[in-house]
PDB file of N, CA and C in Angstrom:
ATOM      1  N   MET A   1      17.411  21.331  -3.335  1.00  0.00           N
ATOM      2  CA  MET A   1      16.209  20.589  -3.474  1.00  0.00           C
ATOM      3  C   MET A   1      16.325  19.438  -4.486  1.00  0.00           C
ATOM      4  N   HIS A   2      17.546  19.109  -4.757  1.00  0.00           N
ATOM      5  CA  HIS A   2      17.853  18.145  -5.880  1.00  0.00           C
ATOM      6  C   HIS A   2      17.323  16.826  -5.513  1.00  0.00           C
ATOM      7  N   LEU A   3      16.968  16.356  -4.296  1.00  0.00           N
ATOM      8  CA  LEU A   3      16.509  15.098  -3.944  1.00  0.00           C
ATOM      9  C   LEU A   3      15.080  14.901  -3.925  1.00  0.00           C
ATOM     10  N   VAL A   4      14.311  16.028  -4.104  1.00  0.00           N
ATOM     11  CA  VAL A   4      12.836  16.017  -4.136  1.00  0.00           C
ATOM     12  C   VAL A   4      12.298  15.441  -5.394  1.00  0.00           C
ATOM     13  N   PRO A   5      11.571  14.232  -5.312  1.00  0.00           N
ATOM     14  CA  PRO A   5      11.068  13.657  -6.576  1.00  0.00           C
ATOM     15  C   PRO A   5      10.178  14.650  -7.332  1.00  0.00           C
ATOM     16  N   ALA A   6      10.133  14.465  -8.549  1.00  0.00           N
ATOM     17  CA  ALA A   6       9.421  15.433  -9.533  1.00  0.00           C
ATOM     18  C   ALA A   6       7.864  15.507  -9.062  1.00  0.00           C
ATOM     19  N   GLU A   7       7.302  14.408  -8.684  1.00  0.00           N
ATOM     20  CA  GLU A   7       5.892  14.443  -8.336  1.00  0.00           C
ATOM     21  C   GLU A   7       5.623  15.146  -6.971  1.00  0.00           C
ATOM     22  N   ARG A   8       6.588  15.516  -6.265  1.00  0.00           N
ATOM     23  CA  ARG A   8       6.523  16.317  -5.008  1.00  0.00           C
ATOM     24  C   ARG A   8       7.037  17.633  -5.065  1.00  0.00           C
ATOM     25  N   ALA A   9       7.691  18.028  -6.232  1.00  0.00           N
ATOM     26  CA  ALA A   9       8.318  19.324  -6.325  1.00  0.00           C
ATOM     27  C   ALA A   9       7.434  20.512  -6.199  1.00  0.00           C
ATOM     28  N   GLY A  10       6.213  20.291  -6.621  1.00  0.00           N
ATOM     29  CA  GLY A  10       5.386  21.534  -6.588  1.00  0.00           C
ATOM     30  C   GLY A  10       4.652  21.788  -5.150  1.00  0.00           C
ATOM     31  N   ARG A  11       5.026  20.980  -4.150  1.00  0.00           N
ATOM     32  CA  ARG A  11       4.492  21.242  -2.826  1.00  0.00           C
ATOM     33  C   ARG A  11       5.263  22.269  -2.171  1.00  0.00           C
ATOM     34  N   ARG A  12       4.642  22.903  -1.171  1.00  0.00           N
ATOM     35  CA  ARG A  12       5.224  23.942  -0.304  1.00  0.00           C
ATOM     36  C   ARG A  12       6.378  23.366   0.487  1.00  0.00           C
ATOM     37  N   ILE A  13       7.599  24.022   0.431  1.00  0.00           N
ATOM     38  CA  ILE A  13       8.741  23.583   1.164  1.00  0.00           C
ATOM     39  C   ILE A  13       9.114  24.695   1.983  1.00  0.00           C
ATOM     40  N   ILE A  14       9.447  24.459   3.274  1.00  0.00           N
ATOM     41  CA  ILE A  14       9.908  25.521   4.227  1.00  0.00           C
ATOM     42  C   ILE A  14      11.454  25.630   4.144  1.00  0.00           C
ATOM     43  N   ASP A  15      12.130  24.413   4.373  1.00  0.00           N
ATOM     44  CA  ASP A  15      13.527  24.277   4.489  1.00  0.00           C
ATOM     45  C   ASP A  15      14.035  23.302   3.522  1.00  0.00           C
ATOM     46  N   GLY A  16      14.399  23.615   2.386  1.00  0.00           N
ATOM     47  CA  GLY A  16      14.768  22.719   1.237  1.00  0.00           C
ATOM     48  C   GLY A  16      15.958  21.879   1.719  1.00  0.00           C
ATOM     49  N   ASN A  17      16.880  22.396   2.321  1.00  0.00           N
ATOM     50  CA  ASN A  17      18.094  21.659   2.782  1.00  0.00           C
ATOM     51  C   ASN A  17      17.621  20.497   3.684  1.00  0.00           C
ATOM     52  N   ARG A  18      16.844  20.756   4.648  1.00  0.00           N
ATOM     53  CA  ARG A  18      16.375  19.728   5.574  1.00  0.00           C
ATOM     54  C   ARG A  18      15.589  18.727   4.913  1.00  0.00           C
ATOM     55  N   VAL A  19      14.698  19.247   3.991  1.00  0.00           N
ATOM     56  CA  VAL A  19      13.923  18.190   3.203  1.00  0.00           C
ATOM     57  C   VAL A  19      14.817  17.174   2.470  1.00  0.00           C
ATOM     58  N   CYS A  20      15.889  17.662   1.841  1.00  0.00           N
ATOM     59  CA  CYS A  20      16.754  16.823   1.112  1.00  0.00           C
ATOM     60  C   CYS A  20      17.545  16.035   2.183  1.00  0.00           C
ATOM     61  N   GLN A  21      17.950  16.493   3.303  1.00  0.00           N
ATOM     62  CA  GLN A  21      18.536  15.606   4.278  1.00  0.00           C
ATOM     63  C   GLN A  21      17.527  14.458   4.755  1.00  0.00           C
ATOM     64  N   ALA A  22      16.316  14.839   4.951  1.00  0.00           N
ATOM     65  CA  ALA A  22      15.329  13.913   5.331  1.00  0.00           C
ATOM     66  C   ALA A  22      15.136  12.787   4.329  1.00  0.00           C
ATOM     67  N   ILE A  23      14.992  13.122   3.062  1.00  0.00           N
ATOM     68  CA  ILE A  23      14.915  12.195   1.948  1.00  0.00           C
ATOM     69  C   ILE A  23      16.035  11.297   1.986  1.00  0.00           C
ATOM     70  N   GLU A  24      17.266  11.909   2.076  1.00  0.00           N
ATOM     71  CA  GLU A  24      18.490  11.017   2.137  1.00  0.00           C
ATOM     72  C   GLU A  24      18.458  10.112   3.332  1.00  0.00           C
ATOM     73  N   ALA A  25      18.043  10.547   4.394  1.00  0.00           N
ATOM     74  CA  ALA A  25      18.056   9.705   5.633  1.00  0.00           C
ATOM     75  C   ALA A  25      17.053   8.511   5.528  1.00  0.00           C
ATOM     76  N   ILE A  26      15.929   8.818   4.869  1.00  0.00           N
ATOM     77  CA  ILE A  26      14.895   7.705   4.632  1.00  0.00           C
ATOM     78  C   ILE A  26      15.502   6.637   3.659  1.00  0.00           C
ATOM     79  N   GLY A  27      16.188   7.042   2.695  1.00  0.00           N
ATOM     80  CA  GLY A  27      16.794   6.068   1.773  1.00  0.00           C
ATOM     81  C   GLY A  27      15.783   5.478   0.799  1.00  0.00           C
ATOM     82  N   GLU A  28      16.174   4.309   0.362  1.00  0.00           N
ATOM     83  CA  GLU A  28      15.353   3.619  -0.650  1.00  0.00           C
ATOM     84  C   GLU A  28      14.118   3.039  -0.018  1.00  0.00           C
ATOM     85  N   PRO A  29      13.020   3.070  -0.729  1.00  0.00           N
ATOM     86  CA  PRO A  29      11.831   2.448  -0.268  1.00  0.00           C
ATOM     87  C   PRO A  29      11.892   0.949   0.107  1.00  0.00           C
ATOM     88  N   GLU A  30      12.714   0.265  -0.683  1.00  0.00           N
ATOM     89  CA  GLU A  30      12.959  -1.217  -0.406  1.00  0.00           C
ATOM     90  C   GLU A  30      13.610  -1.336   1.006  1.00  0.00           C
ATOM     91  N   ALA A  31      14.575  -0.508   1.328  1.00  0.00           N
ATOM     92  CA  ALA A  31      15.265  -0.585   2.570  1.00  0.00           C
ATOM     93  C   ALA A  31      14.313  -0.311   3.710  1.00  0.00           C
ATOM     94  N   VAL A  32      13.491   0.740   3.473  1.00  0.00           N
ATOM     95  CA  VAL A  32      12.486   1.064   4.537  1.00  0.00           C
ATOM     96  C   VAL A  32      11.515  -0.110   4.716  1.00  0.00           C
ATOM     97  N   ARG A  33      11.147  -0.742   3.707  1.00  0.00           N
ATOM     98  CA  ARG A  33      10.175  -1.844   3.762  1.00  0.00           C
ATOM     99  C   ARG A  33      10.946  -3.042   4.532  1.00  0.00           C
ATOM    100  N   ALA A  34      12.154  -3.227   4.314  1.00  0.00           N
ATOM    101  CA  ALA A  34      12.981  -4.398   4.900  1.00  0.00           C
ATOM    102  C   ALA A  34      13.001  -4.094   6.468  1.00  0.00           C
ATOM    103  N   TRP A  35      13.219  -2.783   6.857  1.00  0.00           N
ATOM    104  CA  TRP A  35      13.201  -2.436   8.280  1.00  0.00           C
ATOM    105  C   TRP A  35      11.906  -2.612   8.893  1.00  0.00           C
ATOM    106  N   ALA A  36      10.884  -2.212   8.196  1.00  0.00           N
ATOM    107  CA  ALA A  36       9.469  -2.388   8.685  1.00  0.00           C
ATOM    108  C   ALA A  36       9.163  -3.811   8.958  1.00  0.00           C
ATOM    109  N   ASP A  37       9.512  -4.643   8.028  1.00  0.00           N
ATOM    110  CA  ASP A  37       9.336  -6.107   8.111  1.00  0.00           C
ATOM    111  C   ASP A  37      10.025  -6.672   9.345  1.00  0.00           C
ATOM    112  N   ARG A  38      11.301  -6.246   9.499  1.00  0.00           N
ATOM    113  CA  ARG A  38      12.023  -6.675  10.663  1.00  0.00           C
ATOM    114  C   ARG A  38      11.397  -6.306  11.991  1.00  0.00           C
ATOM    115  N   PHE A  39      11.028  -4.970  12.002  1.00  0.00           N
ATOM    116  CA  PHE A  39      10.331  -4.537  13.186  1.00  0.00           C
ATOM    117  C   PHE A  39       8.889  -5.221  13.503  1.00  0.00           C
ATOM    118  N   SER A  40       8.220  -5.606  12.411  1.00  0.00           N
ATOM    119  CA  SER A  40       7.018  -6.250  12.569  1.00  0.00           C
ATOM    120  C   SER A  40       7.277  -7.635  13.248  1.00  0.00           C
ATOM    121  N   LEU A  41       8.379  -8.297  12.910  1.00  0.00           N
ATOM    122  CA  LEU A  41       8.697  -9.596  13.483  1.00  0.00           C
ATOM    123  C   LEU A  41       8.901  -9.429  14.863  1.00  0.00           C
ATOM    124  N   LEU A  42       9.485  -8.306  15.330  1.00  0.00           N
ATOM    125  CA  LEU A  42       9.868  -8.030  16.720  1.00  0.00           C
ATOM    126  C   LEU A  42       8.677  -7.447  17.514  1.00  0.00           C
ATOM    127  N   ALA A  43       7.664  -7.001  16.783  1.00  0.00           N
ATOM    128  CA  ALA A  43       6.449  -6.377  17.432  1.00  0.00           C
ATOM    129  C   ALA A  43       5.664  -7.358  18.193  1.00  0.00           C
ATOM    130  N   ASP A  44       5.653  -8.640  17.804  1.00  0.00           N
ATOM    131  CA  ASP A  44       4.768  -9.560  18.463  1.00  0.00           C
ATOM    132  C   ASP A  44       5.447 -10.010  19.765  1.00  0.00           C
ATOM    133  N   PRO A  45       4.779  -9.884  20.890  1.00  0.00           N
ATOM    134  CA  PRO A  45       5.438 -10.324  22.191  1.00  0.00           C
ATOM    135  C   PRO A  45       5.928 -11.805  22.276  1.00  0.00           C
ATOM    136  N   GLY A  46       5.169 -12.675  21.678  1.00  0.00           N
ATOM    137  CA  GLY A  46       5.650 -14.104  21.631  1.00  0.00           C
ATOM    138  C   GLY A  46       6.956 -14.274  20.862  1.00  0.00           C
ATOM    139  N   ARG A  47       6.987 -13.708  19.665  1.00  0.00           N
ATOM    140  CA  ARG A  47       8.266 -13.871  18.861  1.00  0.00           C
ATOM    141  C   ARG A  47       9.412 -13.172  19.563  1.00  0.00           C
ATOM    142  N   LEU A  48       9.145 -11.914  20.095  1.00  0.00           N
ATOM    143  CA  LEU A  48      10.195 -11.229  20.840  1.00  0.00           C
ATOM    144  C   LEU A  48      10.691 -12.058  21.967  1.00  0.00           C
ATOM    145  N   ALA A  49       9.805 -12.670  22.651  1.00  0.00           N
ATOM    146  CA  ALA A  49      10.207 -13.476  23.847  1.00  0.00           C
ATOM    147  C   ALA A  49      11.105 -14.638  23.355  1.00  0.00           C
ATOM    148  N   LEU A  50      10.708 -15.254  22.316  1.00  0.00           N
ATOM    149  CA  LEU A  50      11.500 -16.350  21.751  1.00  0.00           C
ATOM    150  C   LEU A  50      12.833 -15.858  21.271  1.00  0.00           C
ATOM    151  N   LEU A  51      12.911 -14.772  20.629  1.00  0.00           N
ATOM    152  CA  LEU A  51      14.192 -14.251  20.225  1.00  0.00           C
ATOM    153  C   LEU A  51      15.045 -13.877  21.349  1.00  0.00           C
ATOM    154  N   LEU A  52      14.418 -13.287  22.408  1.00  0.00           N
ATOM    155  CA  LEU A  52      15.272 -12.880  23.624  1.00  0.00           C
ATOM    156  C   LEU A  52      15.787 -14.110  24.298  1.00  0.00           C
ATOM    157  N   ALA A  53      15.003 -15.181  24.345  1.00  0.00           N
ATOM    158  CA  ALA A  53      15.457 -16.477  24.936  1.00  0.00           C
ATOM    159  C   ALA A  53      16.583 -17.031  24.164  1.00  0.00           C
ATOM    160  N   LEU A  54      16.428 -17.077  22.830  1.00  0.00           N
ATOM    161  CA  LEU A  54      17.452 -17.610  22.059  1.00  0.00           C
ATOM    162  C   LEU A  54      18.760 -16.782  22.061  1.00  0.00           C
ATOM    163  N   HIS A  55      18.567 -15.505  22.080  1.00  0.00           N
ATOM    164  CA  HIS A  55      19.827 -14.607  22.185  1.00  0.00           C
ATOM    165  C   HIS A  55      20.518 -14.808  23.487  1.00  0.00           C
ATOM    166  N   ARG A  56      19.836 -14.820  24.585  1.00  0.00           N
ATOM    167  CA  ARG A  56      20.451 -14.898  25.915  1.00  0.00           C
ATOM    168  C   ARG A  56      20.968 -16.311  26.270  1.00  0.00           C
ATOM    169  N   ALA A  57      20.173 -17.372  25.948  1.00  0.00           N
ATOM    170  CA  ALA A  57      20.369 -18.768  26.473  1.00  0.00           C
ATOM    171  C   ALA A  57      21.141 -19.641  25.337  1.00  0.00           C
ATOM    172  N   GLY A  58      21.055 -19.160  24.104  1.00  0.00           N
ATOM    173  CA  GLY A  58      21.686 -19.941  23.099  1.00  0.00           C
ATOM    174  C   GLY A  58      20.752 -20.888  22.463  1.00  0.00           C
ATOM    175  N   PRO A  59      21.144 -21.801  21.645  1.00  0.00           N
ATOM    176  CA  PRO A  59      20.252 -22.698  20.869  1.00  0.00           C
ATOM    177  C   PRO A  59      19.332 -23.498  21.881  1.00  0.00           C
ATOM    178  N   LEU A  60      18.067 -23.446  21.506  1.00  0.00           N
ATOM    179  CA  LEU A  60      16.994 -24.178  22.342  1.00  0.00           C
ATOM    180  C   LEU A  60      16.090 -24.944  21.425  1.00  0.00           C
ATOM    181  N   ALA A  61      15.515 -26.025  21.945  1.00  0.00           N
ATOM    182  CA  ALA A  61      14.500 -26.875  21.204  1.00  0.00           C
ATOM    183  C   ALA A  61      13.167 -26.191  21.492  1.00  0.00           C
ATOM    184  N   VAL A  62      12.164 -26.559  20.667  1.00  0.00           N
ATOM    185  CA  VAL A  62      10.816 -26.072  20.721  1.00  0.00           C
ATOM    186  C   VAL A  62      10.246 -26.237  22.125  1.00  0.00           C
ATOM    187  N   SER A  63      10.338 -27.480  22.669  1.00  0.00           N
ATOM    188  CA  SER A  63       9.750 -27.703  23.984  1.00  0.00           C
ATOM    189  C   SER A  63      10.389 -26.768  25.106  1.00  0.00           C
ATOM    190  N   ASP A  64      11.625 -26.648  25.008  1.00  0.00           N
ATOM    191  CA  ASP A  64      12.348 -25.851  25.927  1.00  0.00           C
ATOM    192  C   ASP A  64      11.885 -24.352  25.820  1.00  0.00           C
ATOM    193  N   LEU A  65      11.813 -23.893  24.581  1.00  0.00           N
ATOM    194  CA  LEU A  65      11.288 -22.553  24.339  1.00  0.00           C
ATOM    195  C   LEU A  65       9.865 -22.329  24.855  1.00  0.00           C
ATOM    196  N   ALA A  66       9.093 -23.411  24.789  1.00  0.00           N
ATOM    197  CA  ALA A  66       7.721 -23.363  25.205  1.00  0.00           C
ATOM    198  C   ALA A  66       7.648 -23.179  26.690  1.00  0.00           C
ATOM    199  N   VAL A  67       8.501 -23.904  27.435  1.00  0.00           N
ATOM    200  CA  VAL A  67       8.522 -23.730  28.859  1.00  0.00           C
ATOM    201  C   VAL A  67       9.055 -22.357  29.249  1.00  0.00           C
ATOM    202  N   ALA A  68      10.124 -21.952  28.623  1.00  0.00           N
ATOM    203  CA  ALA A  68      10.763 -20.672  29.020  1.00  0.00           C
ATOM    204  C   ALA A  68       9.794 -19.526  28.769  1.00  0.00           C
ATOM    205  N   THR A  69       9.041 -19.515  27.734  1.00  0.00           N
ATOM    206  CA  THR A  69       8.168 -18.407  27.297  1.00  0.00           C
ATOM    207  C   THR A  69       6.788 -18.502  27.817  1.00  0.00           C
ATOM    208  N   GLY A  70       6.356 -19.734  28.234  1.00  0.00           N
ATOM    209  CA  GLY A  70       5.036 -19.930  28.678  1.00  0.00           C
ATOM    210  C   GLY A  70       4.003 -20.092  27.468  1.00  0.00           C
ATOM    211  N   MET A  71       4.578 -20.309  26.336  1.00  0.00           N
ATOM    212  CA  MET A  71       3.764 -20.593  25.120  1.00  0.00           C
ATOM    213  C   MET A  71       3.591 -22.049  25.008  1.00  0.00           C
ATOM    214  N   ASN A  72       2.572 -22.531  24.112  1.00  0.00           N
ATOM    215  CA  ASN A  72       2.460 -23.941  23.892  1.00  0.00           C
ATOM    216  C   ASN A  72       3.351 -24.317  22.729  1.00  0.00           C
ATOM    217  N   ASP A  73       3.625 -25.631  22.648  1.00  0.00           N
ATOM    218  CA  ASP A  73       4.535 -26.026  21.594  1.00  0.00           C
ATOM    219  C   ASP A  73       4.096 -25.633  20.192  1.00  0.00           C
ATOM    220  N   PRO A  74       2.746 -25.874  19.853  1.00  0.00           N
ATOM    221  CA  PRO A  74       2.448 -25.368  18.448  1.00  0.00           C
ATOM    222  C   PRO A  74       2.529 -24.006  18.210  1.00  0.00           C
ATOM    223  N   ALA A  75       2.368 -23.069  19.118  1.00  0.00           N
ATOM    224  CA  ALA A  75       2.541 -21.637  19.008  1.00  0.00           C
ATOM    225  C   ALA A  75       3.964 -21.326  18.800  1.00  0.00           C
ATOM    226  N   VAL A  76       4.887 -21.975  19.496  1.00  0.00           N
ATOM    227  CA  VAL A  76       6.308 -21.745  19.376  1.00  0.00           C
ATOM    228  C   VAL A  76       6.763 -22.275  17.979  1.00  0.00           C
ATOM    229  N   SER A  77       6.291 -23.425  17.521  1.00  0.00           N
ATOM    230  CA  SER A  77       6.582 -23.964  16.317  1.00  0.00           C
ATOM    231  C   SER A  77       6.147 -22.938  15.168  1.00  0.00           C
ATOM    232  N   GLN A  78       4.957 -22.509  15.291  1.00  0.00           N
ATOM    233  CA  GLN A  78       4.472 -21.518  14.190  1.00  0.00           C
ATOM    234  C   GLN A  78       5.284 -20.262  14.168  1.00  0.00           C
ATOM    235  N   ALA A  79       5.621 -19.748  15.444  1.00  0.00           N
ATOM    236  CA  ALA A  79       6.426 -18.513  15.383  1.00  0.00           C
ATOM    237  C   ALA A  79       7.787 -18.728  14.821  1.00  0.00           C
ATOM    238  N   LEU A  80       8.381 -19.926  15.161  1.00  0.00           N
ATOM    239  CA  LEU A  80       9.678 -20.222  14.589  1.00  0.00           C
ATOM    240  C   LEU A  80       9.712 -20.509  13.090  1.00  0.00           C
ATOM    241  N   ARG A  81       8.577 -21.038  12.593  1.00  0.00           N
ATOM    242  CA  ARG A  81       8.367 -21.111  11.171  1.00  0.00           C
ATOM    243  C   ARG A  81       8.533 -19.784  10.438  1.00  0.00           C
ATOM    244  N   LEU A  82       7.766 -18.803  11.048  1.00  0.00           N
ATOM    245  CA  LEU A  82       7.803 -17.467  10.482  1.00  0.00           C
ATOM    246  C   LEU A  82       9.182 -16.927  10.607  1.00  0.00           C
ATOM    247  N   LEU A  83       9.906 -16.967  11.638  1.00  0.00           N
ATOM    248  CA  LEU A  83      11.268 -16.517  11.888  1.00  0.00           C
ATOM    249  C   LEU A  83      12.273 -17.191  10.935  1.00  0.00           C
ATOM    250  N   ARG A  84      11.942 -18.479  10.734  1.00  0.00           N
ATOM    251  CA  ARG A  84      12.853 -19.120   9.770  1.00  0.00           C
ATOM    252  C   ARG A  84      12.645 -18.668   8.266  1.00  0.00           C
ATOM    253  N   THR A  85      11.443 -18.469   8.002  1.00  0.00           N
ATOM    254  CA  THR A  85      11.058 -17.947   6.601  1.00  0.00           C
ATOM    255  C   THR A  85      11.710 -16.638   6.378  1.00  0.00           C
ATOM    256  N   ALA A  86      11.726 -15.752   7.448  1.00  0.00           N
ATOM    257  CA  ALA A  86      12.284 -14.442   7.380  1.00  0.00           C
ATOM    258  C   ALA A  86      13.814 -14.482   7.525  1.00  0.00           C
ATOM    259  N   GLU A  87      14.430 -15.701   7.710  1.00  0.00           N
ATOM    260  CA  GLU A  87      15.853 -15.929   7.775  1.00  0.00           C
ATOM    261  C   GLU A  87      16.438 -15.172   9.008  1.00  0.00           C
ATOM    262  N   VAL A  88      15.655 -15.171  10.085  1.00  0.00           N
ATOM    263  CA  VAL A  88      16.145 -14.640  11.308  1.00  0.00           C
ATOM    264  C   VAL A  88      16.734 -15.690  12.201  1.00  0.00           C
ATOM    265  N   VAL A  89      16.127 -16.900  12.241  1.00  0.00           N
ATOM    266  CA  VAL A  89      16.656 -18.063  12.950  1.00  0.00           C
ATOM    267  C   VAL A  89      16.882 -19.287  11.985  1.00  0.00           C
ATOM    268  N   VAL A  90      17.759 -20.142  12.578  1.00  0.00           N
ATOM    269  CA  VAL A  90      17.897 -21.361  11.812  1.00  0.00           C
ATOM    270  C   VAL A  90      17.770 -22.510  12.844  1.00  0.00           C
ATOM    271  N   GLY A  91      17.325 -23.626  12.400  1.00  0.00           N
ATOM    272  CA  GLY A  91      17.150 -24.794  13.137  1.00  0.00           C
ATOM    273  C   GLY A  91      18.316 -25.756  12.810  1.00  0.00           C
ATOM    274  N   GLU A  92      18.971 -26.333  13.795  1.00  0.00           N
ATOM    275  CA  GLU A  92      20.155 -27.211  13.619  1.00  0.00           C
ATOM    276  C   GLU A  92      19.756 -28.593  14.302  1.00  0.00           C
ATOM    277  N   LYS A  93      19.663 -29.640  13.495  1.00  0.00           N
ATOM    278  CA  LYS A  93      19.244 -30.880  13.920  1.00  0.00           C
ATOM    279  C   LYS A  93      20.455 -31.588  14.629  1.00  0.00           C
ATOM    280  N   GLN A  94      20.206 -32.111  15.786  1.00  0.00           N
ATOM    281  CA  GLN A  94      21.206 -32.890  16.559  1.00  0.00           C
ATOM    282  C   GLN A  94      20.512 -34.185  16.930  1.00  0.00           C
ATOM    283  N   GLY A  95      20.669 -35.205  16.164  1.00  0.00           N
ATOM    284  CA  GLY A  95      19.924 -36.417  16.395  1.00  0.00           C
ATOM    285  C   GLY A  95      18.406 -36.134  16.086  1.00  0.00           C
ATOM    286  N   ARG A  96      17.636 -36.463  17.016  1.00  0.00           N
ATOM    287  CA  ARG A  96      16.098 -36.181  16.822  1.00  0.00           C
ATOM    288  C   ARG A  96      15.672 -34.820  17.249  1.00  0.00           C
ATOM    289  N   ILE A  97      16.618 -34.051  17.796  1.00  0.00           N
ATOM    290  CA  ILE A  97      16.277 -32.755  18.415  1.00  0.00           C
ATOM    291  C   ILE A  97      16.672 -31.632  17.490  1.00  0.00           C
ATOM    292  N   VAL A  98      15.853 -30.632  17.346  1.00  0.00           N
ATOM    293  CA  VAL A  98      16.166 -29.463  16.428  1.00  0.00           C
ATOM    294  C   VAL A  98      16.308 -28.342  17.470  1.00  0.00           C
ATOM    295  N   ARG A  99      17.478 -27.657  17.467  1.00  0.00           N
ATOM    296  CA  ARG A  99      17.707 -26.543  18.303  1.00  0.00           C
ATOM    297  C   ARG A  99      17.767 -25.242  17.412  1.00  0.00           C
ATOM    298  N   TYR A 100      17.154 -24.249  17.842  1.00  0.00           N
ATOM    299  CA  TYR A 100      17.106 -23.030  17.027  1.00  0.00           C
ATOM    300  C   TYR A 100      17.996 -21.953  17.574  1.00  0.00           C
ATOM    301  N   ARG A 101      18.535 -21.105  16.794  1.00  0.00           N
ATOM    302  CA  ARG A 101      19.382 -20.007  17.162  1.00  0.00           C
ATOM    303  C   ARG A 101      19.194 -18.790  16.187  1.00  0.00           C
ATOM    304  N   VAL A 102      19.429 -17.649  16.710  1.00  0.00           N
ATOM    305  CA  VAL A 102      19.269 -16.425  15.973  1.00  0.00           C
ATOM    306  C   VAL A 102      20.505 -16.221  15.037  1.00  0.00           C
ATOM    307  N   THR A 103      20.232 -15.939  13.813  1.00  0.00           N
ATOM    308  CA  THR A 103      21.373 -15.717  12.856  1.00  0.00           C
ATOM    309  C   THR A 103      21.356 -14.395  12.184  1.00  0.00           C
ATOM    310  N   ASP A 104      20.315 -13.675  12.235  1.00  0.00           N
ATOM    311  CA  ASP A 104      20.199 -12.436  11.540  1.00  0.00           C
ATOM    312  C   ASP A 104      21.087 -11.396  12.416  1.00  0.00           C
ATOM    313  N   SER A 105      22.155 -10.904  11.805  1.00  0.00           N
ATOM    314  CA  SER A 105      23.011  -9.996  12.560  1.00  0.00           C
ATOM    315  C   SER A 105      22.346  -8.695  12.951  1.00  0.00           C
ATOM    316  N   VAL A 106      21.464  -8.148  12.204  1.00  0.00           N
ATOM    317  CA  VAL A 106      20.737  -6.953  12.500  1.00  0.00           C
ATOM    318  C   VAL A 106      19.818  -7.195  13.718  1.00  0.00           C
ATOM    319  N   VAL A 107      19.131  -8.282  13.674  1.00  0.00           N
ATOM    320  CA  VAL A 107      18.183  -8.567  14.797  1.00  0.00           C
ATOM    321  C   VAL A 107      19.037  -8.825  16.102  1.00  0.00           C
ATOM    322  N   LEU A 108      20.148  -9.549  15.832  1.00  0.00           N
ATOM    323  CA  LEU A 108      21.000  -9.806  17.035  1.00  0.00           C
ATOM    324  C   LEU A 108      21.456  -8.336  17.739  1.00  0.00           C
ATOM    325  N   GLU A 109      21.792  -7.441  16.863  1.00  0.00           N
ATOM    326  CA  GLU A 109      22.215  -6.120  17.376  1.00  0.00           C
ATOM    327  C   GLU A 109      21.053  -5.519  18.088  1.00  0.00           C
ATOM    328  N   LEU A 110      19.847  -5.542  17.523  1.00  0.00           N
ATOM    329  CA  LEU A 110      18.656  -4.963  18.163  1.00  0.00           C
ATOM    330  C   LEU A 110      18.425  -5.684  19.544  1.00  0.00           C
ATOM    331  N   LEU A 111      18.540  -7.004  19.569  1.00  0.00           N
ATOM    332  CA  LEU A 111      18.382  -7.762  20.819  1.00  0.00           C
ATOM    333  C   LEU A 111      19.403  -7.321  21.883  1.00  0.00           C
ATOM    334  N   ARG A 112      20.615  -7.083  21.423  1.00  0.00           N
ATOM    335  CA  ARG A 112      21.626  -6.585  22.367  1.00  0.00           C
ATOM    336  C   ARG A 112      21.203  -5.229  22.993  1.00  0.00           C
ATOM    337  N   GLN A 113      20.650  -4.434  22.185  1.00  0.00           N
ATOM    338  CA  GLN A 113      20.171  -3.071  22.751  1.00  0.00           C
ATOM    339  C   GLN A 113      18.993  -3.264  23.624  1.00  0.00           C
ATOM    340  N   VAL A 114      18.187  -4.245  23.573  1.00  0.00           N
ATOM    341  CA  VAL A 114      17.037  -4.433  24.444  1.00  0.00           C
ATOM    342  C   VAL A 114      17.542  -4.988  25.755  1.00  0.00           C
ATOM    343  N   THR A 115      18.519  -5.874  25.819  1.00  0.00           N
ATOM    344  CA  THR A 115      18.796  -6.629  27.020  1.00  0.00           C
ATOM    345  C   THR A 115      20.043  -6.051  27.682  1.00  0.00           C
TER     346      THR A 115
END
């Protein structure tokens, strides 16, 4: 029971070995928060649709993403802004057109599992 934090040590424990394995599996709170944040980005159907489109079709512009997903341009732009801030996608300017692509390797792997 060496992994049980002191503030939880007085609680009833049935299987100390498994409790330690569970604590080890959970890992650091910061890592859990990072995963939760990633999953929250994917939990929105609009953002997930955008990410799936970008993953499968490659770099796309806002207007093309709007047509592909059935969203309007402002909603696509807003979702992409959030995904850019989270460093999940990047926009690459080609003349007057900005095309977006997924760059987060973990999100890419999750998208591969979905498709």
